[in-house]
PDB file of N, CA and C in Angstrom:
ATOM      1  N   UNK A   1      46.704 175.373-105.754  1.00  0.00           N
ATOM      2  CA  UNK A   1      47.090 174.703-104.533  1.00  0.00           C
ATOM      3  C   UNK A   1      47.971 173.513-104.887  1.00  0.00           C
ATOM      4  N   UNK A   2      49.052 173.369-104.156  1.00  0.00           N
ATOM      5  CA  UNK A   2      49.953 172.235-104.347  1.00  0.00           C
ATOM      6  C   UNK A   2      49.777 171.261-103.188  1.00  0.00           C
ATOM      7  N   UNK A   3      49.473 170.033-103.525  1.00  0.00           N
ATOM      8  CA  UNK A   3      49.405 168.959-102.544  1.00  0.00           C
ATOM      9  C   UNK A   3      50.627 168.081-102.771  1.00  0.00           C
ATOM     10  N   UNK A   4      51.247 167.637-101.693  1.00  0.00           N
ATOM     11  CA  UNK A   4      52.390 166.740-101.820  1.00  0.00           C
ATOM     12  C   UNK A   4      52.111 165.470-101.029  1.00  0.00           C
ATOM     13  N   UNK A   5      52.458 164.355-101.626  1.00  0.00           N
ATOM     14  CA  UNK A   5      52.270 163.059-100.979  1.00  0.00           C
ATOM     15  C   UNK A   5      53.633 162.395-100.848  1.00  0.00           C
ATOM     16  N   UNK A   6      54.102 162.252 -99.608  1.00  0.00           N
ATOM     17  CA  UNK A   6      55.419 161.659 -99.376  1.00  0.00           C
ATOM     18  C   UNK A   6      55.341 160.278 -98.737  1.00  0.00           C
ATOM     19  N   UNK A   7      54.152 159.845 -98.376  1.00  0.00           N
ATOM     20  CA  UNK A   7      53.971 158.526 -97.761  1.00  0.00           C
ATOM     21  C   UNK A   7      53.418 157.542 -98.784  1.00  0.00           C
ATOM     22  N   UNK A   8      53.656 156.287 -98.542  1.00  0.00           N
ATOM     23  CA  UNK A   8      53.066 155.262 -99.394  1.00  0.00           C
ATOM     24  C   UNK A   8      51.552 155.441 -99.401  1.00  0.00           C
ATOM     25  N   UNK A   9      50.918 155.315-100.550  1.00  0.00           N
ATOM     26  CA  UNK A   9      49.460 155.463-100.598  1.00  0.00           C
ATOM     27  C   UNK A   9      48.745 154.382 -99.794  1.00  0.00           C
ATOM     28  N   UNK A  10      49.472 153.353 -99.423  1.00  0.00           N
ATOM     29  CA  UNK A  10      48.885 152.283 -98.621  1.00  0.00           C
ATOM     30  C   UNK A  10      49.018 152.565 -97.125  1.00  0.00           C
ATOM     31  N   UNK A  11      49.705 153.670 -96.778  1.00  0.00           N
ATOM     32  CA  UNK A  11      49.863 154.076 -95.381  1.00  0.00           C
ATOM     33  C   UNK A  11      49.122 155.364 -95.060  1.00  0.00           C
ATOM     34  N   UNK A  12      48.305 155.856 -95.976  1.00  0.00           N
ATOM     35  CA  UNK A  12      47.546 157.082 -95.729  1.00  0.00           C
ATOM     36  C   UNK A  12      46.168 156.958 -96.373  1.00  0.00           C
ATOM     37  N   UNK A  13      45.307 157.897 -96.059  1.00  0.00           N
ATOM     38  CA  UNK A  13      43.922 157.854 -96.532  1.00  0.00           C
ATOM     39  C   UNK A  13      43.790 158.657 -97.830  1.00  0.00           C
ATOM     40  N   UNK A  14      43.999 158.007 -98.957  1.00  0.00           N
ATOM     41  CA  UNK A  14      43.930 158.662-100.264  1.00  0.00           C
ATOM     42  C   UNK A  14      42.538 159.230-100.520  1.00  0.00           C
ATOM     43  N   UNK A  15      41.504 158.530-100.103  1.00  0.00           N
ATOM     44  CA  UNK A  15      40.131 159.006-100.329  1.00  0.00           C
ATOM     45  C   UNK A  15      39.911 160.352 -99.655  1.00  0.00           C
ATOM     46  N   UNK A  16      40.424 160.527 -98.442  1.00  0.00           N
ATOM     47  CA  UNK A  16      40.303 161.813 -97.749  1.00  0.00           C
ATOM     48  C   UNK A  16      41.102 162.886 -98.473  1.00  0.00           C
ATOM     49  N   UNK A  17      42.293 162.548 -98.909  1.00  0.00           N
ATOM     50  CA  UNK A  17      43.103 163.496 -99.680  1.00  0.00           C
ATOM     51  C   UNK A  17      42.330 163.978-100.898  1.00  0.00           C
ATOM     52  N   UNK A  18      41.735 163.069-101.631  1.00  0.00           N
ATOM     53  CA  UNK A  18      41.014 163.431-102.853  1.00  0.00           C
ATOM     54  C   UNK A  18      39.779 164.280-102.559  1.00  0.00           C
ATOM     55  N   UNK A  19      39.147 164.071-101.414  1.00  0.00           N
ATOM     56  CA  UNK A  19      37.978 164.889-101.057  1.00  0.00           C
ATOM     57  C   UNK A  19      38.359 166.327-100.732  1.00  0.00           C
ATOM     58  N   UNK A  20      39.596 166.561-100.318  1.00  0.00           N
ATOM     59  CA  UNK A  20      40.028 167.913 -99.955  1.00  0.00           C
ATOM     60  C   UNK A  20      40.568 168.708-101.140  1.00  0.00           C
ATOM     61  N   UNK A  21      40.811 168.051-102.248  1.00  0.00           N
ATOM     62  CA  UNK A  21      41.442 168.710-103.397  1.00  0.00           C
ATOM     63  C   UNK A  21      40.479 169.652-104.098  1.00  0.00           C
ATOM     64  N   UNK A  22      40.993 170.838-104.388  1.00  0.00           N
ATOM     65  CA  UNK A  22      40.237 171.838-105.137  1.00  0.00           C
ATOM     66  C   UNK A  22      40.460 171.641-106.633  1.00  0.00           C
ATOM     67  N   UNK A  23      39.597 172.270-107.420  1.00  0.00           N
ATOM     68  CA  UNK A  23      39.737 172.190-108.878  1.00  0.00           C
ATOM     69  C   UNK A  23      41.080 172.744-109.333  1.00  0.00           C
ATOM     70  N   UNK A  24      41.619 172.122-110.344  1.00  0.00           N
ATOM     71  CA  UNK A  24      42.867 172.543-110.978  1.00  0.00           C
ATOM     72  C   UNK A  24      44.040 172.587-110.003  1.00  0.00           C
ATOM     73  N   UNK A  25      44.096 171.649-109.107  1.00  0.00           N
ATOM     74  CA  UNK A  25      45.199 171.561-108.157  1.00  0.00           C
ATOM     75  C   UNK A  25      46.342 170.750-108.757  1.00  0.00           C
ATOM     76  N   UNK A  26      47.487 170.839-108.114  1.00  0.00           N
ATOM     77  CA  UNK A  26      48.652 170.048-108.489  1.00  0.00           C
ATOM     78  C   UNK A  26      48.960 169.080-107.352  1.00  0.00           C
ATOM     79  N   UNK A  27      49.312 167.852-107.696  1.00  0.00           N
ATOM     80  CA  UNK A  27      49.717 166.861-106.701  1.00  0.00           C
ATOM     81  C   UNK A  27      51.090 166.336-107.072  1.00  0.00           C
ATOM     82  N   UNK A  28      52.028 166.499-106.145  1.00  0.00           N
ATOM     83  CA  UNK A  28      53.387 165.999-106.346  1.00  0.00           C
ATOM     84  C   UNK A  28      53.586 164.743-105.514  1.00  0.00           C
ATOM     85  N   UNK A  29      53.985 163.674-106.173  1.00  0.00           N
ATOM     86  CA  UNK A  29      54.344 162.430-105.502  1.00  0.00           C
ATOM     87  C   UNK A  29      55.847 162.443-105.299  1.00  0.00           C
ATOM     88  N   UNK A  30      56.279 162.261-104.069  1.00  0.00           N
ATOM     89  CA  UNK A  30      57.708 162.225-103.793  1.00  0.00           C
ATOM     90  C   UNK A  30      57.962 161.269-102.636  1.00  0.00           C
ATOM     91  N   UNK A  31      59.211 160.944-102.399  1.00  0.00           N
ATOM     92  CA  UNK A  31      59.585 159.941-101.398  1.00  0.00           C
ATOM     93  C   UNK A  31      58.759 158.673-101.668  1.00  0.00           C
ATOM     94  N   UNK A  32      58.181 158.069-100.633  1.00  0.00           N
ATOM     95  CA  UNK A  32      57.393 156.847-100.844  1.00  0.00           C
ATOM     96  C   UNK A  32      56.070 157.113-101.549  1.00  0.00           C
ATOM     97  N   UNK A  33      55.693 158.367-101.681  1.00  0.00           N
ATOM     98  CA  UNK A  33      54.464 158.714-102.396  1.00  0.00           C
ATOM     99  C   UNK A  33      54.494 158.329-103.859  1.00  0.00           C
ATOM    100  N   UNK A  34      55.698 158.143-104.429  1.00  0.00           N
ATOM    101  CA  UNK A  34      55.782 157.765-105.844  1.00  0.00           C
ATOM    102  C   UNK A  34      55.180 156.386-106.110  1.00  0.00           C
ATOM    103  N   UNK A  35      54.991 155.602-105.073  1.00  0.00           N
ATOM    104  CA  UNK A  35      54.360 154.284-105.236  1.00  0.00           C
ATOM    105  C   UNK A  35      52.955 154.439-105.819  1.00  0.00           C
ATOM    106  N   UNK A  36      52.323 155.572-105.565  1.00  0.00           N
ATOM    107  CA  UNK A  36      50.975 155.830-106.092  1.00  0.00           C
ATOM    108  C   UNK A  36      50.964 155.939-107.611  1.00  0.00           C
ATOM    109  N   UNK A  37      52.114 156.117-108.227  1.00  0.00           N
ATOM    110  CA  UNK A  37      52.175 156.292-109.671  1.00  0.00           C
ATOM    111  C   UNK A  37      52.441 155.036-110.471  1.00  0.00           C
ATOM    112  N   UNK A  38      52.371 153.886-109.842  1.00  0.00           N
ATOM    113  CA  UNK A  38      52.626 152.643-110.569  1.00  0.00           C
ATOM    114  C   UNK A  38      51.523 152.354-111.578  1.00  0.00           C
ATOM    115  N   UNK A  39      51.922 151.902-112.755  1.00  0.00           N
ATOM    116  CA  UNK A  39      50.970 151.586-113.828  1.00  0.00           C
ATOM    117  C   UNK A  39      49.908 150.606-113.344  1.00  0.00           C
ATOM    118  N   UNK A  40      48.681 150.839-113.785  1.00  0.00           N
ATOM    119  CA  UNK A  40      47.553 149.928-113.562  1.00  0.00           C
ATOM    120  C   UNK A  40      47.172 149.704-112.101  1.00  0.00           C
ATOM    121  N   UNK A  41      47.615 150.573-111.203  1.00  0.00           N
ATOM    122  CA  UNK A  41      47.245 150.385-109.798  1.00  0.00           C
ATOM    123  C   UNK A  41      45.897 151.054-109.516  1.00  0.00           C
ATOM    124  N   UNK A  42      45.134 150.535-108.566  1.00  0.00           N
ATOM    125  CA  UNK A  42      43.854 151.166-108.219  1.00  0.00           C
ATOM    126  C   UNK A  42      44.046 152.566-107.647  1.00  0.00           C
ATOM    127  N   UNK A  43      45.164 152.797-106.983  1.00  0.00           N
ATOM    128  CA  UNK A  43      45.451 154.130-106.441  1.00  0.00           C
ATOM    129  C   UNK A  43      45.632 155.120-107.590  1.00  0.00           C
ATOM    130  N   UNK A  44      46.376 154.729-108.607  1.00  0.00           N
ATOM    131  CA  UNK A  44      46.578 155.599-109.767  1.00  0.00           C
ATOM    132  C   UNK A  44      45.248 155.925-110.427  1.00  0.00           C
ATOM    133  N   UNK A  45      44.389 154.939-110.556  1.00  0.00           N
ATOM    134  CA  UNK A  45      43.069 155.180-111.150  1.00  0.00           C
ATOM    135  C   UNK A  45      42.310 156.235-110.347  1.00  0.00           C
ATOM    136  N   UNK A  46      42.352 156.150-109.025  1.00  0.00           N
ATOM    137  CA  UNK A  46      41.686 157.143-108.170  1.00  0.00           C
ATOM    138  C   UNK A  46      42.264 158.537-108.408  1.00  0.00           C
ATOM    139  N   UNK A  47      43.580 158.629-108.501  1.00  0.00           N
ATOM    140  CA  UNK A  47      44.231 159.926-108.696  1.00  0.00           C
ATOM    141  C   UNK A  47      43.896 160.516-110.064  1.00  0.00           C
ATOM    142  N   UNK A  48      43.854 159.667-111.084  1.00  0.00           N
ATOM    143  CA  UNK A  48      43.584 160.151-112.441  1.00  0.00           C
ATOM    144  C   UNK A  48      42.162 160.673-112.611  1.00  0.00           C
ATOM    145  N   UNK A  49      41.242 160.240-111.772  1.00  0.00           N
ATOM    146  CA  UNK A  49      39.861 160.718-111.879  1.00  0.00           C
ATOM    147  C   UNK A  49      39.641 162.015-111.110  1.00  0.00           C
ATOM    148  N   UNK A  50      40.622 162.456-110.358  1.00  0.00           N
ATOM    149  CA  UNK A  50      40.515 163.702-109.585  1.00  0.00           C
ATOM    150  C   UNK A  50      40.872 164.898-110.468  1.00  0.00           C
ATOM    151  N   UNK A  51      40.360 166.096-110.109  1.00  0.00           N
ATOM    152  CA  UNK A  51      40.625 167.298-110.912  1.00  0.00           C
ATOM    153  C   UNK A  51      41.989 167.914-110.602  1.00  0.00           C
ATOM    154  N   UNK A  52      43.046 167.201-110.959  1.00  0.00           N
ATOM    155  CA  UNK A  52      44.382 167.699-110.644  1.00  0.00           C
ATOM    156  C   UNK A  52      45.392 167.279-111.690  1.00  0.00           C
ATOM    157  N   UNK A  53      46.545 167.929-111.622  1.00  0.00           N
ATOM    158  CA  UNK A  53      47.675 167.558-112.467  1.00  0.00           C
ATOM    159  C   UNK A  53      48.654 166.786-111.598  1.00  0.00           C
ATOM    160  N   UNK A  54      49.097 165.646-112.081  1.00  0.00           N
ATOM    161  CA  UNK A  54      49.973 164.772-111.309  1.00  0.00           C
ATOM    162  C   UNK A  54      51.433 164.961-111.713  1.00  0.00           C
ATOM    163  N   UNK A  55      52.292 165.079-110.696  1.00  0.00           N
ATOM    164  CA  UNK A  55      53.736 165.196-110.885  1.00  0.00           C
ATOM    165  C   UNK A  55      54.417 164.178-109.973  1.00  0.00           C
ATOM    166  N   UNK A  56      55.636 163.790-110.320  1.00  0.00           N
ATOM    167  CA  UNK A  56      56.436 162.918-109.457  1.00  0.00           C
ATOM    168  C   UNK A  56      57.904 163.287-109.612  1.00  0.00           C
ATOM    169  N   UNK A  57      58.648 163.194-108.516  1.00  0.00           N
ATOM    170  CA  UNK A  57      60.075 163.493-108.554  1.00  0.00           C
ATOM    171  C   UNK A  57      60.855 162.306-109.122  1.00  0.00           C
ATOM    172  N   UNK A  58      61.599 162.591-110.160  1.00  0.00           N
ATOM    173  CA  UNK A  58      62.347 161.550-110.871  1.00  0.00           C
ATOM    174  C   UNK A  58      63.342 160.827-109.966  1.00  0.00           C
ATOM    175  N   UNK A  59      64.076 161.577-109.136  1.00  0.00           N
ATOM    176  CA  UNK A  59      65.076 160.947-108.269  1.00  0.00           C
ATOM    177  C   UNK A  59      64.454 159.923-107.332  1.00  0.00           C
ATOM    178  N   UNK A  60      63.249 160.203-106.843  1.00  0.00           N
ATOM    179  CA  UNK A  60      62.589 159.272-105.929  1.00  0.00           C
ATOM    180  C   UNK A  60      62.085 158.030-106.663  1.00  0.00           C
ATOM    181  N   UNK A  61      61.652 158.204-107.901  1.00  0.00           N
ATOM    182  CA  UNK A  61      61.234 157.052-108.715  1.00  0.00           C
ATOM    183  C   UNK A  61      62.439 156.149-108.986  1.00  0.00           C
ATOM    184  N   UNK A  62      63.546 156.761-109.386  1.00  0.00           N
ATOM    185  CA  UNK A  62      64.761 155.998-109.680  1.00  0.00           C
ATOM    186  C   UNK A  62      65.314 155.319-108.432  1.00  0.00           C
ATOM    187  N   UNK A  63      65.287 156.012-107.304  1.00  0.00           N
ATOM    188  CA  UNK A  63      65.830 155.460-106.060  1.00  0.00           C
ATOM    189  C   UNK A  63      65.094 154.198-105.625  1.00  0.00           C
ATOM    190  N   UNK A  64      63.838 154.084-106.010  1.00  0.00           N
ATOM    191  CA  UNK A  64      63.035 152.922-105.635  1.00  0.00           C
ATOM    192  C   UNK A  64      62.957 151.881-106.754  1.00  0.00           C
ATOM    193  N   UNK A  65      63.660 152.134-107.859  1.00  0.00           N
ATOM    194  CA  UNK A  65      63.674 151.180-108.971  1.00  0.00           C
ATOM    195  C   UNK A  65      62.335 151.034-109.667  1.00  0.00           C
ATOM    196  N   UNK A  66      61.546 152.114-109.678  1.00  0.00           N
ATOM    197  CA  UNK A  66      60.186 152.039-110.214  1.00  0.00           C
ATOM    198  C   UNK A  66      60.023 152.657-111.599  1.00  0.00           C
ATOM    199  N   UNK A  67      61.084 153.161-112.177  1.00  0.00           N
ATOM    200  CA  UNK A  67      60.950 153.920-113.426  1.00  0.00           C
ATOM    201  C   UNK A  67      60.247 153.123-114.530  1.00  0.00           C
ATOM    202  N   UNK A  68      60.596 151.869-114.705  1.00  0.00           N
ATOM    203  CA  UNK A  68      59.999 151.048-115.771  1.00  0.00           C
ATOM    204  C   UNK A  68      58.542 150.691-115.501  1.00  0.00           C
ATOM    205  N   UNK A  69      58.110 150.869-114.272  1.00  0.00           N
ATOM    206  CA  UNK A  69      56.743 150.501-113.878  1.00  0.00           C
ATOM    207  C   UNK A  69      55.856 151.716-113.655  1.00  0.00           C
ATOM    208  N   UNK A  70      56.401 152.901-113.950  1.00  0.00           N
ATOM    209  CA  UNK A  70      55.707 154.145-113.629  1.00  0.00           C
ATOM    210  C   UNK A  70      54.775 154.573-114.762  1.00  0.00           C
ATOM    211  N   UNK A  71      53.666 155.173-114.394  1.00  0.00           N
ATOM    212  CA  UNK A  71      52.649 155.586-115.363  1.00  0.00           C
ATOM    213  C   UNK A  71      53.127 156.752-116.228  1.00  0.00           C
ATOM    214  N   UNK A  72      52.769 156.691-117.495  1.00  0.00           N
ATOM    215  CA  UNK A  72      53.065 157.784-118.420  1.00  0.00           C
ATOM    216  C   UNK A  72      52.104 158.955-118.234  1.00  0.00           C
ATOM    217  N   UNK A  73      51.069 158.775-117.438  1.00  0.00           N
ATOM    218  CA  UNK A  73      50.085 159.832-117.201  1.00  0.00           C
ATOM    219  C   UNK A  73      50.549 160.850-116.169  1.00  0.00           C
ATOM    220  N   UNK A  74      51.702 160.619-115.573  1.00  0.00           N
ATOM    221  CA  UNK A  74      52.231 161.505-114.538  1.00  0.00           C
ATOM    222  C   UNK A  74      53.455 162.217-115.091  1.00  0.00           C
ATOM    223  N   UNK A  75      53.511 163.514-114.878  1.00  0.00           N
ATOM    224  CA  UNK A  75      54.657 164.302-115.327  1.00  0.00           C
ATOM    225  C   UNK A  75      55.822 164.077-114.367  1.00  0.00           C
ATOM    226  N   UNK A  76      56.916 163.578-114.880  1.00  0.00           N
ATOM    227  CA  UNK A  76      58.099 163.321-114.060  1.00  0.00           C
ATOM    228  C   UNK A  76      58.979 164.561-114.107  1.00  0.00           C
ATOM    229  N   UNK A  77      59.293 165.090-112.907  1.00  0.00           N
ATOM    230  CA  UNK A  77      60.040 166.347-112.826  1.00  0.00           C
ATOM    231  C   UNK A  77      61.296 166.175-111.975  1.00  0.00           C
ATOM    232  N   UNK A  78      62.221 167.127-112.143  1.00  0.00           N
ATOM    233  CA  UNK A  78      63.435 167.145-111.330  1.00  0.00           C
ATOM    234  C   UNK A  78      63.276 168.190-110.218  1.00  0.00           C
ATOM    235  N   UNK A  79      64.320 168.378-109.417  1.00  0.00           N
ATOM    236  CA  UNK A  79      64.221 169.306-108.287  1.00  0.00           C
ATOM    237  C   UNK A  79      64.028 170.756-108.728  1.00  0.00           C
ATOM    238  N   UNK A  80      64.652 171.159-109.816  1.00  0.00           N
ATOM    239  CA  UNK A  80      64.477 172.525-110.317  1.00  0.00           C
ATOM    240  C   UNK A  80      63.025 172.763-110.713  1.00  0.00           C
ATOM    241  N   UNK A  81      62.428 171.793-111.369  1.00  0.00           N
ATOM    242  CA  UNK A  81      61.017 171.911-111.754  1.00  0.00           C
ATOM    243  C   UNK A  81      60.105 171.879-110.526  1.00  0.00           C
ATOM    244  N   UNK A  82      60.527 171.175-109.480  1.00  0.00           N
ATOM    245  CA  UNK A  82      59.777 171.168-108.225  1.00  0.00           C
ATOM    246  C   UNK A  82      59.758 172.569-107.612  1.00  0.00           C
ATOM    247  N   UNK A  83      60.887 173.259-107.648  1.00  0.00           N
ATOM    248  CA  UNK A  83      60.942 174.634-107.142  1.00  0.00           C
ATOM    249  C   UNK A  83      59.994 175.520-107.942  1.00  0.00           C
ATOM    250  N   UNK A  84      59.991 175.384-109.250  1.00  0.00           N
ATOM    251  CA  UNK A  84      59.076 176.147-110.102  1.00  0.00           C
ATOM    252  C   UNK A  84      57.625 175.843-109.750  1.00  0.00           C
ATOM    253  N   UNK A  85      57.328 174.593-109.466  1.00  0.00           N
ATOM    254  CA  UNK A  85      55.975 174.193-109.081  1.00  0.00           C
ATOM    255  C   UNK A  85      55.563 174.844-107.761  1.00  0.00           C
ATOM    256  N   UNK A  86      56.480 174.932-106.814  1.00  0.00           N
ATOM    257  CA  UNK A  86      56.156 175.580-105.540  1.00  0.00           C
ATOM    258  C   UNK A  86      55.989 177.086-105.709  1.00  0.00           C
ATOM    259  N   UNK A  87      56.728 177.687-106.624  1.00  0.00           N
ATOM    260  CA  UNK A  87      56.559 179.118-106.895  1.00  0.00           C
ATOM    261  C   UNK A  87      55.209 179.396-107.549  1.00  0.00           C
ATOM    262  N   UNK A  88      54.741 178.480-108.364  1.00  0.00           N
ATOM    263  CA  UNK A  88      53.451 178.621-109.052  1.00  0.00           C
ATOM    264  C   UNK A  88      52.282 178.565-108.073  1.00  0.00           C
ATOM    265  N   UNK A  89      52.421 177.751-107.043  1.00  0.00           N
ATOM    266  CA  UNK A  89      51.347 177.544-106.068  1.00  0.00           C
ATOM    267  C   UNK A  89      51.669 178.282-104.773  1.00  0.00           C
ATOM    268  N   UNK A  90      50.804 179.206-104.393  1.00  0.00           N
ATOM    269  CA  UNK A  90      51.056 180.000-103.193  1.00  0.00           C
ATOM    270  C   UNK A  90      50.851 179.202-101.910  1.00  0.00           C
ATOM    271  N   UNK A  91      50.040 178.168-101.974  1.00  0.00           N
ATOM    272  CA  UNK A  91      49.772 177.359-100.787  1.00  0.00           C
ATOM    273  C   UNK A  91      50.122 175.905-101.059  1.00  0.00           C
ATOM    274  N   UNK A  92      50.496 175.215 -99.961  1.00  0.00           N
ATOM    275  CA  UNK A  92      50.848 173.802-100.080  1.00  0.00           C
ATOM    276  C   UNK A  92      50.275 173.037 -98.897  1.00  0.00           C
ATOM    277  N   UNK A  93      49.782 171.848 -99.176  1.00  0.00           N
ATOM    278  CA  UNK A  93      49.331 170.935 -98.131  1.00  0.00           C
ATOM    279  C   UNK A  93      50.104 169.638 -98.303  1.00  0.00           C
ATOM    280  N   UNK A  94      50.785 169.229 -97.243  1.00  0.00           N
ATOM    281  CA  UNK A  94      51.593 168.007 -97.282  1.00  0.00           C
ATOM    282  C   UNK A  94      50.825 166.842 -96.680  1.00  0.00           C
ATOM    283  N   UNK A  95      50.891 165.696 -97.356  1.00  0.00           N
ATOM    284  CA  UNK A  95      50.281 164.453 -96.869  1.00  0.00           C
ATOM    285  C   UNK A  95      51.353 163.429 -96.675  1.00  0.00           C
TER     286      UNK A  95
END
């Protein structure tokens, strides 16, 4: 299952998102959702304890000037890799 987060983690209910996640899920942070990937943030800590693989779109990180502040625990991908990720996951839930 692919979950996508496009809103700031401070504008949505991350705890509810994490309760809905199944084992071995993928979570893509994109648009304002990349804010969740900032180093040492409490939101990042919550995401890292969930049973999922974290991804973020590089263009969205760069557009917000967050690259130097972004966690190394998240796989940074481009649009081509995003397409591959959607092909891998038959279902998607957008947040």
